[in-house]
Amino acid sequence: MSNQAVEVEILGKLTRVACPAGQEESLIQAANDLDARLQEMAERTKVNNAEKLLTFAALNISYELLAAKEATNGELNSINERMERLTAALEEAVTKARQA
């Protein structure tokens, strides 16, 4: 797949970004989300330094990603435990049925 150049605006500055073909809309949505986060953070914190805003946003997004991964891992562990209990119950039922 070839890359396409997509122009996005973040903090009022246009930037061209290489993007795999077919994923342009996702990149634009991600850029819009980042820009909205940065604008909201600038208003809330009164910080106007782009580098600081980007650093804070990167940390927040990394934290959210880590929290989502941990939640997913917890859910997977719960599903695996339930599958093990169901497997054990099925094996016990099959054993009892064979003995009857």
PDB file of N, CA and C in Angstrom:
ATOM      1  N   MET A   1       0.829  -1.177   0.000  1.00  0.00           N
ATOM      2  CA  MET A   1       0.000   0.000   0.000  1.00  0.00           C
ATOM      3  C   MET A   1       0.878   1.247   0.000  1.00  0.00           C
ATOM      4  N   SER A   2       0.480   2.231  -0.756  1.00  0.00           N
ATOM      5  CA  SER A   2       1.259   3.462  -0.790  1.00  0.00           C
ATOM      6  C   SER A   2       0.711   4.460   0.219  1.00  0.00           C
ATOM      7  N   ASN A   3       1.574   5.373   0.611  1.00  0.00           N
ATOM      8  CA  ASN A   3       1.172   6.403   1.559  1.00  0.00           C
ATOM      9  C   ASN A   3       0.618   7.607   0.824  1.00  0.00           C
ATOM     10  N   GLN A   4      -0.320   8.276   1.482  1.00  0.00           N
ATOM     11  CA  GLN A   4      -0.911   9.499   0.961  1.00  0.00           C
ATOM     12  C   GLN A   4      -0.525  10.641   1.895  1.00  0.00           C
ATOM     13  N   ALA A   5      -0.280  11.804   1.354  1.00  0.00           N
ATOM     14  CA  ALA A   5      -0.013  12.978   2.187  1.00  0.00           C
ATOM     15  C   ALA A   5      -1.356  13.578   2.598  1.00  0.00           C
ATOM     16  N   VAL A   6      -1.535  13.735   3.905  1.00  0.00           N
ATOM     17  CA  VAL A   6      -2.771  14.297   4.438  1.00  0.00           C
ATOM     18  C   VAL A   6      -2.405  15.543   5.229  1.00  0.00           C
ATOM     19  N   GLU A   7      -3.144  16.609   5.014  1.00  0.00           N
ATOM     20  CA  GLU A   7      -2.892  17.850   5.729  1.00  0.00           C
ATOM     21  C   GLU A   7      -3.837  17.930   6.919  1.00  0.00           C
ATOM     22  N   VAL A   8      -3.269  18.133   8.111  1.00  0.00           N
ATOM     23  CA  VAL A   8      -4.059  18.266   9.338  1.00  0.00           C
ATOM     24  C   VAL A   8      -3.680  19.568  10.023  1.00  0.00           C
ATOM     25  N   GLU A   9      -4.611  20.076  10.816  1.00  0.00           N
ATOM     26  CA  GLU A   9      -4.355  21.312  11.550  1.00  0.00           C
ATOM     27  C   GLU A   9      -4.368  21.026  13.041  1.00  0.00           C
ATOM     28  N   ILE A  10      -3.270  21.369  13.701  1.00  0.00           N
ATOM     29  CA  ILE A  10      -3.147  21.184  15.146  1.00  0.00           C
ATOM     30  C   ILE A  10      -2.606  22.483  15.718  1.00  0.00           C
ATOM     31  N   LEU A  11      -3.339  23.023  16.680  1.00  0.00           N
ATOM     32  CA  LEU A  11      -2.988  24.302  17.310  1.00  0.00           C
ATOM     33  C   LEU A  11      -2.805  25.409  16.268  1.00  0.00           C
ATOM     34  N   GLY A  12      -3.667  25.383  15.262  1.00  0.00           N
ATOM     35  CA  GLY A  12      -3.647  26.436  14.250  1.00  0.00           C
ATOM     36  C   GLY A  12      -2.547  26.303  13.216  1.00  0.00           C
ATOM     37  N   LYS A  13      -1.792  25.230  13.264  1.00  0.00           N
ATOM     38  CA  LYS A  13      -0.707  25.041  12.305  1.00  0.00           C
ATOM     39  C   LYS A  13      -1.011  23.843  11.410  1.00  0.00           C
ATOM     40  N   LEU A  14      -0.866  24.055  10.111  1.00  0.00           N
ATOM     41  CA  LEU A  14      -1.091  22.976   9.158  1.00  0.00           C
ATOM     42  C   LEU A  14       0.160  22.124   9.041  1.00  0.00           C
ATOM     43  N   THR A  15      -0.039  20.820   9.033  1.00  0.00           N
ATOM     44  CA  THR A  15       1.064  19.877   8.919  1.00  0.00           C
ATOM     45  C   THR A  15       0.677  18.790   7.929  1.00  0.00           C
ATOM     46  N   ARG A  16       1.594  18.443   7.056  1.00  0.00           N
ATOM     47  CA  ARG A  16       1.361  17.329   6.120  1.00  0.00           C
ATOM     48  C   ARG A  16       1.942  16.064   6.738  1.00  0.00           C
ATOM     49  N   VAL A  17       1.129  15.015   6.728  1.00  0.00           N
ATOM     50  CA  VAL A  17       1.518  13.755   7.360  1.00  0.00           C
ATOM     51  C   VAL A  17       1.309  12.626   6.360  1.00  0.00           C
ATOM     52  N   ALA A  18       2.287  11.741   6.264  1.00  0.00           N
ATOM     53  CA  ALA A  18       2.138  10.556   5.408  1.00  0.00           C
ATOM     54  C   ALA A  18       1.194   9.579   6.095  1.00  0.00           C
ATOM     55  N   CYS A  19       0.299   9.018   5.305  1.00  0.00           N
ATOM     56  CA  CYS A  19      -0.728   8.142   5.858  1.00  0.00           C
ATOM     57  C   CYS A  19      -0.988   7.003   4.876  1.00  0.00           C
ATOM     58  N   PRO A  20      -1.125   5.760   5.381  1.00  0.00           N
ATOM     59  CA  PRO A  20      -1.460   4.653   4.474  1.00  0.00           C
ATOM     60  C   PRO A  20      -2.782   4.925   3.746  1.00  0.00           C
ATOM     61  N   ALA A  21      -2.831   4.563   2.494  1.00  0.00           N
ATOM     62  CA  ALA A  21      -4.040   4.754   1.698  1.00  0.00           C
ATOM     63  C   ALA A  21      -5.230   4.087   2.384  1.00  0.00           C
ATOM     64  N   GLY A  22      -6.331   4.791   2.403  1.00  0.00           N
ATOM     65  CA  GLY A  22      -7.551   4.261   3.013  1.00  0.00           C
ATOM     66  C   GLY A  22      -7.710   4.619   4.480  1.00  0.00           C
ATOM     67  N   GLN A  23      -6.678   5.185   5.092  1.00  0.00           N
ATOM     68  CA  GLN A  23      -6.761   5.535   6.509  1.00  0.00           C
ATOM     69  C   GLN A  23      -6.755   7.044   6.739  1.00  0.00           C
ATOM     70  N   GLU A  24      -6.972   7.782   5.679  1.00  0.00           N
ATOM     71  CA  GLU A  24      -6.927   9.241   5.770  1.00  0.00           C
ATOM     72  C   GLU A  24      -7.967   9.783   6.764  1.00  0.00           C
ATOM     73  N   GLU A  25      -9.171   9.272   6.686  1.00  0.00           N
ATOM     74  CA  GLU A  25     -10.238   9.773   7.561  1.00  0.00           C
ATOM     75  C   GLU A  25      -9.929   9.495   9.027  1.00  0.00           C
ATOM     76  N   SER A  26      -9.362   8.348   9.327  1.00  0.00           N
ATOM     77  CA  SER A  26      -8.985   8.038  10.705  1.00  0.00           C
ATOM     78  C   SER A  26      -7.901   8.977  11.203  1.00  0.00           C
ATOM     79  N   LEU A  27      -6.938   9.288  10.336  1.00  0.00           N
ATOM     80  CA  LEU A  27      -5.878  10.218  10.716  1.00  0.00           C
ATOM     81  C   LEU A  27      -6.452  11.606  10.978  1.00  0.00           C
ATOM     82  N   ILE A  28      -7.356  12.046  10.134  1.00  0.00           N
ATOM     83  CA  ILE A  28      -7.979  13.364  10.310  1.00  0.00           C
ATOM     84  C   ILE A  28      -8.771  13.403  11.614  1.00  0.00           C
ATOM     85  N   GLN A  29      -9.496  12.333  11.909  1.00  0.00           N
ATOM     86  CA  GLN A  29     -10.249  12.272  13.169  1.00  0.00           C
ATOM     87  C   GLN A  29      -9.307  12.299  14.369  1.00  0.00           C
ATOM     88  N   ALA A  30      -8.195  11.571  14.289  1.00  0.00           N
ATOM     89  CA  ALA A  30      -7.219  11.564  15.383  1.00  0.00           C
ATOM     90  C   ALA A  30      -6.620  12.959  15.572  1.00  0.00           C
ATOM     91  N   ALA A  31      -6.308  13.627  14.471  1.00  0.00           N
ATOM     92  CA  ALA A  31      -5.752  14.980  14.552  1.00  0.00           C
ATOM     93  C   ALA A  31      -6.772  15.945  15.151  1.00  0.00           C
ATOM     94  N   ASN A  32      -8.025  15.806  14.749  1.00  0.00           N
ATOM     95  CA  ASN A  32      -9.076  16.666  15.305  1.00  0.00           C
ATOM     96  C   ASN A  32      -9.253  16.427  16.796  1.00  0.00           C
ATOM     97  N   ASP A  33      -9.179  15.157  17.212  1.00  0.00           N
ATOM     98  CA  ASP A  33      -9.287  14.830  18.634  1.00  0.00           C
ATOM     99  C   ASP A  33      -8.123  15.442  19.405  1.00  0.00           C
ATOM    100  N   LEU A  34      -6.906  15.291  18.878  1.00  0.00           N
ATOM    101  CA  LEU A  34      -5.732  15.860  19.529  1.00  0.00           C
ATOM    102  C   LEU A  34      -5.854  17.377  19.623  1.00  0.00           C
ATOM    103  N   ASP A  35      -6.258  18.008  18.542  1.00  0.00           N
ATOM    104  CA  ASP A  35      -6.393  19.460  18.540  1.00  0.00           C
ATOM    105  C   ASP A  35      -7.431  19.909  19.570  1.00  0.00           C
ATOM    106  N   ALA A  36      -8.564  19.213  19.654  1.00  0.00           N
ATOM    107  CA  ALA A  36      -9.597  19.563  20.638  1.00  0.00           C
ATOM    108  C   ALA A  36      -9.061  19.407  22.060  1.00  0.00           C
ATOM    109  N   ARG A  37      -8.319  18.334  22.312  1.00  0.00           N
ATOM    110  CA  ARG A  37      -7.722  18.125  23.634  1.00  0.00           C
ATOM    111  C   ARG A  37      -6.760  19.264  23.980  1.00  0.00           C
ATOM    112  N   LEU A  38      -5.937  19.633  23.010  1.00  0.00           N
ATOM    113  CA  LEU A  38      -4.960  20.687  23.241  1.00  0.00           C
ATOM    114  C   LEU A  38      -5.648  22.032  23.490  1.00  0.00           C
ATOM    115  N   GLN A  39      -6.668  22.327  22.707  1.00  0.00           N
ATOM    116  CA  GLN A  39      -7.400  23.581  22.886  1.00  0.00           C
ATOM    117  C   GLN A  39      -8.063  23.630  24.258  1.00  0.00           C
ATOM    118  N   GLU A  40      -8.691  22.515  24.642  1.00  0.00           N
ATOM    119  CA  GLU A  40      -9.363  22.450  25.948  1.00  0.00           C
ATOM    120  C   GLU A  40      -8.352  22.584  27.072  1.00  0.00           C
ATOM    121  N   MET A  41      -7.216  21.937  26.932  1.00  0.00           N
ATOM    122  CA  MET A  41      -6.173  21.992  27.951  1.00  0.00           C
ATOM    123  C   MET A  41      -5.596  23.405  28.063  1.00  0.00           C
ATOM    124  N   ALA A  42      -5.420  24.065  26.930  1.00  0.00           N
ATOM    125  CA  ALA A  42      -4.896  25.431  26.931  1.00  0.00           C
ATOM    126  C   ALA A  42      -5.857  26.368  27.656  1.00  0.00           C
ATOM    127  N   GLU A  43      -7.154  26.194  27.417  1.00  0.00           N
ATOM    128  CA  GLU A  43      -8.157  27.028  28.086  1.00  0.00           C
ATOM    129  C   GLU A  43      -8.207  26.735  29.583  1.00  0.00           C
ATOM    130  N   ARG A  44      -8.155  25.466  29.929  1.00  0.00           N
ATOM    131  CA  ARG A  44      -8.283  25.051  31.328  1.00  0.00           C
ATOM    132  C   ARG A  44      -7.057  25.423  32.153  1.00  0.00           C
ATOM    133  N   THR A  45      -5.874  25.261  31.577  1.00  0.00           N
ATOM    134  CA  THR A  45      -4.646  25.453  32.346  1.00  0.00           C
ATOM    135  C   THR A  45      -3.999  26.818  32.125  1.00  0.00           C
ATOM    136  N   LYS A  46      -4.458  27.540  31.118  1.00  0.00           N
ATOM    137  CA  LYS A  46      -3.877  28.836  30.744  1.00  0.00           C
ATOM    138  C   LYS A  46      -2.438  28.696  30.248  1.00  0.00           C
ATOM    139  N   VAL A  47      -2.027  27.478  29.890  1.00  0.00           N
ATOM    140  CA  VAL A  47      -0.705  27.247  29.308  1.00  0.00           C
ATOM    141  C   VAL A  47      -0.815  27.499  27.809  1.00  0.00           C
ATOM    142  N   ASN A  48       0.074  28.307  27.270  1.00  0.00           N
ATOM    143  CA  ASN A  48       0.051  28.611  25.846  1.00  0.00           C
ATOM    144  C   ASN A  48       1.256  28.053  25.104  1.00  0.00           C
ATOM    145  N   ASN A  49       2.196  27.477  25.819  1.00  0.00           N
ATOM    146  CA  ASN A  49       3.402  26.915  25.212  1.00  0.00           C
ATOM    147  C   ASN A  49       3.030  25.589  24.535  1.00  0.00           C
ATOM    148  N   ALA A  50       3.160  25.558  23.215  1.00  0.00           N
ATOM    149  CA  ALA A  50       2.758  24.377  22.443  1.00  0.00           C
ATOM    150  C   ALA A  50       3.504  23.123  22.887  1.00  0.00           C
ATOM    151  N   GLU A  51       4.788  23.262  23.172  1.00  0.00           N
ATOM    152  CA  GLU A  51       5.583  22.100  23.580  1.00  0.00           C
ATOM    153  C   GLU A  51       5.056  21.513  24.893  1.00  0.00           C
ATOM    154  N   LYS A  52       4.740  22.380  25.848  1.00  0.00           N
ATOM    155  CA  LYS A  52       4.190  21.891  27.120  1.00  0.00           C
ATOM    156  C   LYS A  52       2.832  21.246  26.908  1.00  0.00           C
ATOM    157  N   LEU A  53       1.976  21.885  26.110  1.00  0.00           N
ATOM    158  CA  LEU A  53       0.653  21.326  25.846  1.00  0.00           C
ATOM    159  C   LEU A  53       0.760  19.950  25.198  1.00  0.00           C
ATOM    160  N   LEU A  54       1.646  19.834  24.211  1.00  0.00           N
ATOM    161  CA  LEU A  54       1.833  18.554  23.528  1.00  0.00           C
ATOM    162  C   LEU A  54       2.377  17.492  24.480  1.00  0.00           C
ATOM    163  N   THR A  55       3.279  17.895  25.367  1.00  0.00           N
ATOM    164  CA  THR A  55       3.818  16.953  26.354  1.00  0.00           C
ATOM    165  C   THR A  55       2.727  16.475  27.287  1.00  0.00           C
ATOM    166  N   PHE A  56       1.912  17.402  27.801  1.00  0.00           N
ATOM    167  CA  PHE A  56       0.819  17.024  28.698  1.00  0.00           C
ATOM    168  C   PHE A  56      -0.184  16.117  27.979  1.00  0.00           C
ATOM    169  N   ALA A  57      -0.502  16.476  26.735  1.00  0.00           N
ATOM    170  CA  ALA A  57      -1.442  15.666  25.968  1.00  0.00           C
ATOM    171  C   ALA A  57      -0.889  14.269  25.725  1.00  0.00           C
ATOM    172  N   ALA A  58       0.393  14.182  25.388  1.00  0.00           N
ATOM    173  CA  ALA A  58       1.020  12.869  25.159  1.00  0.00           C
ATOM    174  C   ALA A  58       0.970  12.023  26.424  1.00  0.00           C
ATOM    175  N   LEU A  59       1.247  12.648  27.568  1.00  0.00           N
ATOM    176  CA  LEU A  59       1.179  11.907  28.834  1.00  0.00           C
ATOM    177  C   LEU A  59      -0.245  11.445  29.134  1.00  0.00           C
ATOM    178  N   ASN A  60      -1.221  12.324  28.924  1.00  0.00           N
ATOM    179  CA  ASN A  60      -2.619  11.956  29.162  1.00  0.00           C
ATOM    180  C   ASN A  60      -3.056  10.810  28.252  1.00  0.00           C
ATOM    181  N   ILE A  61      -2.703  10.905  26.978  1.00  0.00           N
ATOM    182  CA  ILE A  61      -3.087   9.863  26.025  1.00  0.00           C
ATOM    183  C   ILE A  61      -2.386   8.551  26.362  1.00  0.00           C
ATOM    184  N   SER A  62      -1.116   8.615  26.749  1.00  0.00           N
ATOM    185  CA  SER A  62      -0.392   7.403  27.149  1.00  0.00           C
ATOM    186  C   SER A  62      -1.031   6.766  28.375  1.00  0.00           C
ATOM    187  N   TYR A  63      -1.423   7.589  29.330  1.00  0.00           N
ATOM    188  CA  TYR A  63      -2.093   7.079  30.526  1.00  0.00           C
ATOM    189  C   TYR A  63      -3.415   6.398  30.153  1.00  0.00           C
ATOM    190  N   GLU A  64      -4.202   7.049  29.293  1.00  0.00           N
ATOM    191  CA  GLU A  64      -5.475   6.462  28.859  1.00  0.00           C
ATOM    192  C   GLU A  64      -5.256   5.132  28.149  1.00  0.00           C
ATOM    193  N   LEU A  65      -4.230   5.060  27.307  1.00  0.00           N
ATOM    194  CA  LEU A  65      -3.921   3.818  26.591  1.00  0.00           C
ATOM    195  C   LEU A  65      -3.521   2.721  27.577  1.00  0.00           C
ATOM    196  N   LEU A  66      -2.674   3.067  28.535  1.00  0.00           N
ATOM    197  CA  LEU A  66      -2.248   2.099  29.542  1.00  0.00           C
ATOM    198  C   LEU A  66      -3.435   1.606  30.356  1.00  0.00           C
ATOM    199  N   ALA A  67      -4.312   2.522  30.767  1.00  0.00           N
ATOM    200  CA  ALA A  67      -5.496   2.142  31.539  1.00  0.00           C
ATOM    201  C   ALA A  67      -6.410   1.231  30.716  1.00  0.00           C
ATOM    202  N   ALA A  68      -6.557   1.536  29.433  1.00  0.00           N
ATOM    203  CA  ALA A  68      -7.392   0.696  28.566  1.00  0.00           C
ATOM    204  C   ALA A  68      -6.788  -0.694  28.400  1.00  0.00           C
ATOM    205  N   LYS A  69      -5.452  -0.763  28.260  1.00  0.00           N
ATOM    206  CA  LYS A  69      -4.785  -2.065  28.142  1.00  0.00           C
ATOM    207  C   LYS A  69      -4.969  -2.878  29.420  1.00  0.00           C
ATOM    208  N   GLU A  70      -4.811  -2.217  30.561  1.00  0.00           N
ATOM    209  CA  GLU A  70      -4.973  -2.919  31.842  1.00  0.00           C
ATOM    210  C   GLU A  70      -6.402  -3.420  32.000  1.00  0.00           C
ATOM    211  N   ALA A  71      -7.383  -2.599  31.608  1.00  0.00           N
ATOM    212  CA  ALA A  71      -8.784  -3.024  31.691  1.00  0.00           C
ATOM    213  C   ALA A  71      -9.034  -4.210  30.769  1.00  0.00           C
ATOM    214  N   THR A  72      -8.475  -4.153  29.571  1.00  0.00           N
ATOM    215  CA  THR A  72      -8.640  -5.251  28.616  1.00  0.00           C
ATOM    216  C   THR A  72      -8.001  -6.528  29.158  1.00  0.00           C
ATOM    217  N   ASN A  73      -6.803  -6.394  29.727  1.00  0.00           N
ATOM    218  CA  ASN A  73      -6.134  -7.561  30.304  1.00  0.00           C
ATOM    219  C   ASN A  73      -6.950  -8.145  31.448  1.00  0.00           C
ATOM    220  N   GLY A  74      -7.526  -7.286  32.276  1.00  0.00           N
ATOM    221  CA  GLY A  74      -8.365  -7.756  33.377  1.00  0.00           C
ATOM    222  C   GLY A  74      -9.583  -8.506  32.860  1.00  0.00           C
ATOM    223  N   GLU A  75     -10.200  -7.973  31.802  1.00  0.00           N
ATOM    224  CA  GLU A  75     -11.358  -8.635  31.205  1.00  0.00           C
ATOM    225  C   GLU A  75     -10.961  -9.970  30.594  1.00  0.00           C
ATOM    226  N   LEU A  76      -9.810 -10.011  29.912  1.00  0.00           N
ATOM    227  CA  LEU A  76      -9.341 -11.267  29.320  1.00  0.00           C
ATOM    228  C   LEU A  76      -9.058 -12.309  30.394  1.00  0.00           C
ATOM    229  N   ASN A  77      -8.435 -11.878  31.504  1.00  0.00           N
ATOM    230  CA  ASN A  77      -8.175 -12.804  32.604  1.00  0.00           C
ATOM    231  C   ASN A  77      -9.476 -13.349  33.165  1.00  0.00           C
ATOM    232  N   SER A  78     -10.466 -12.489  33.319  1.00  0.00           N
ATOM    233  CA  SER A  78     -11.770 -12.912  33.828  1.00  0.00           C
ATOM    234  C   SER A  78     -12.427 -13.909  32.880  1.00  0.00           C
ATOM    235  N   ILE A  79     -12.349 -13.646  31.589  1.00  0.00           N
ATOM    236  CA  ILE A  79     -12.914 -14.565  30.590  1.00  0.00           C
ATOM    237  C   ILE A  79     -12.183 -15.896  30.623  1.00  0.00           C
ATOM    238  N   ASN A  80     -10.860 -15.863  30.710  1.00  0.00           N
ATOM    239  CA  ASN A  80     -10.083 -17.105  30.757  1.00  0.00           C
ATOM    240  C   ASN A  80     -10.427 -17.927  31.991  1.00  0.00           C
ATOM    241  N   GLU A  81     -10.567 -17.258  33.139  1.00  0.00           N
ATOM    242  CA  GLU A  81     -10.936 -17.977  34.365  1.00  0.00           C
ATOM    243  C   GLU A  81     -12.309 -18.611  34.228  1.00  0.00           C
ATOM    244  N   ARG A  82     -13.245 -17.874  33.639  1.00  0.00           N
ATOM    245  CA  ARG A  82     -14.596 -18.419  33.458  1.00  0.00           C
ATOM    246  C   ARG A  82     -14.571 -19.601  32.495  1.00  0.00           C
ATOM    247  N   MET A  83     -13.775 -19.503  31.432  1.00  0.00           N
ATOM    248  CA  MET A  83     -13.664 -20.612  30.484  1.00  0.00           C
ATOM    249  C   MET A  83     -13.077 -21.847  31.157  1.00  0.00           C
ATOM    250  N   GLU A  84     -12.098 -21.643  32.039  1.00  0.00           N
ATOM    251  CA  GLU A  84     -11.506 -22.776  32.760  1.00  0.00           C
ATOM    252  C   GLU A  84     -12.538 -23.432  33.675  1.00  0.00           C
ATOM    253  N   ARG A  85     -13.356 -22.612  34.360  1.00  0.00           N
ATOM    254  CA  ARG A  85     -14.398 -23.177  35.224  1.00  0.00           C
ATOM    255  C   ARG A  85     -15.445 -23.927  34.411  1.00  0.00           C
ATOM    256  N   LEU A  86     -15.818 -23.363  33.256  1.00  0.00           N
ATOM    257  CA  LEU A  86     -16.800 -24.036  32.399  1.00  0.00           C
ATOM    258  C   LEU A  86     -16.236 -25.340  31.840  1.00  0.00           C
ATOM    259  N   THR A  87     -14.965 -25.318  31.453  1.00  0.00           N
ATOM    260  CA  THR A  87     -14.323 -26.531  30.947  1.00  0.00           C
ATOM    261  C   THR A  87     -14.301 -27.605  32.021  1.00  0.00           C
ATOM    262  N   ALA A  88     -13.939 -27.214  33.234  1.00  0.00           N
ATOM    263  CA  ALA A  88     -13.910 -28.180  34.341  1.00  0.00           C
ATOM    264  C   ALA A  88     -15.304 -28.731  34.607  1.00  0.00           C
ATOM    265  N   ALA A  89     -16.317 -27.871  34.573  1.00  0.00           N
ATOM    266  CA  ALA A  89     -17.691 -28.322  34.811  1.00  0.00           C
ATOM    267  C   ALA A  89     -18.149 -29.268  33.706  1.00  0.00           C
ATOM    268  N   LEU A  90     -17.795 -28.953  32.464  1.00  0.00           N
ATOM    269  CA  LEU A  90     -18.167 -29.833  31.349  1.00  0.00           C
ATOM    270  C   LEU A  90     -17.460 -31.180  31.455  1.00  0.00           C
ATOM    271  N   GLU A  91     -16.173 -31.148  31.800  1.00  0.00           N
ATOM    272  CA  GLU A  91     -15.432 -32.398  31.942  1.00  0.00           C
ATOM    273  C   GLU A  91     -16.027 -33.245  33.059  1.00  0.00           C
ATOM    274  N   GLU A  92     -16.421 -32.607  34.144  1.00  0.00           N
ATOM    275  CA  GLU A  92     -17.038 -33.331  35.256  1.00  0.00           C
ATOM    276  C   GLU A  92     -18.378 -33.927  34.826  1.00  0.00           C
ATOM    277  N   ALA A  93     -19.157 -33.147  34.070  1.00  0.00           N
ATOM    278  CA  ALA A  93     -20.449 -33.651  33.588  1.00  0.00           C
ATOM    279  C   ALA A  93     -20.284 -34.832  32.645  1.00  0.00           C
ATOM    280  N   VAL A  94     -19.297 -34.753  31.758  1.00  0.00           N
ATOM    281  CA  VAL A  94     -19.043 -35.843  30.814  1.00  0.00           C
ATOM    282  C   VAL A  94     -18.600 -37.097  31.571  1.00  0.00           C
ATOM    283  N   THR A  95     -17.733 -36.908  32.561  1.00  0.00           N
ATOM    284  CA  THR A  95     -17.262 -38.053  33.362  1.00  0.00           C
ATOM    285  C   THR A  95     -18.429 -38.724  34.082  1.00  0.00           C
ATOM    286  N   LYS A  96     -19.312 -37.917  34.683  1.00  0.00           N
ATOM    287  CA  LYS A  96     -20.475 -38.480  35.377  1.00  0.00           C
ATOM    288  C   LYS A  96     -21.410 -39.195  34.429  1.00  0.00           C
ATOM    289  N   ALA A  97     -21.563 -38.610  33.213  1.00  0.00           N
ATOM    290  CA  ALA A  97     -22.458 -39.219  32.221  1.00  0.00           C
ATOM    291  C   ALA A  97     -21.897 -40.565  31.757  1.00  0.00           C
ATOM    292  N   ARG A  98     -20.610 -40.686  31.636  1.00  0.00           N
ATOM    293  CA  ARG A  98     -19.975 -41.930  31.213  1.00  0.00           C
ATOM    294  C   ARG A  98     -20.094 -43.004  32.281  1.00  0.00           C
ATOM    295  N   GLN A  99     -20.081 -42.567  33.558  1.00  0.00           N
ATOM    296  CA  GLN A  99     -20.151 -43.509  34.662  1.00  0.00           C
ATOM    297  C   GLN A  99     -21.567 -44.007  34.884  1.00  0.00           C
ATOM    298  N   ALA A 100     -22.540 -43.282  34.397  1.00  0.00           N
ATOM    299  CA  ALA A 100     -23.947 -43.654  34.626  1.00  0.00           C
ATOM    300  C   ALA A 100     -24.420 -44.762  33.722  1.00  0.00           C
TER     301      ALA A 100
END
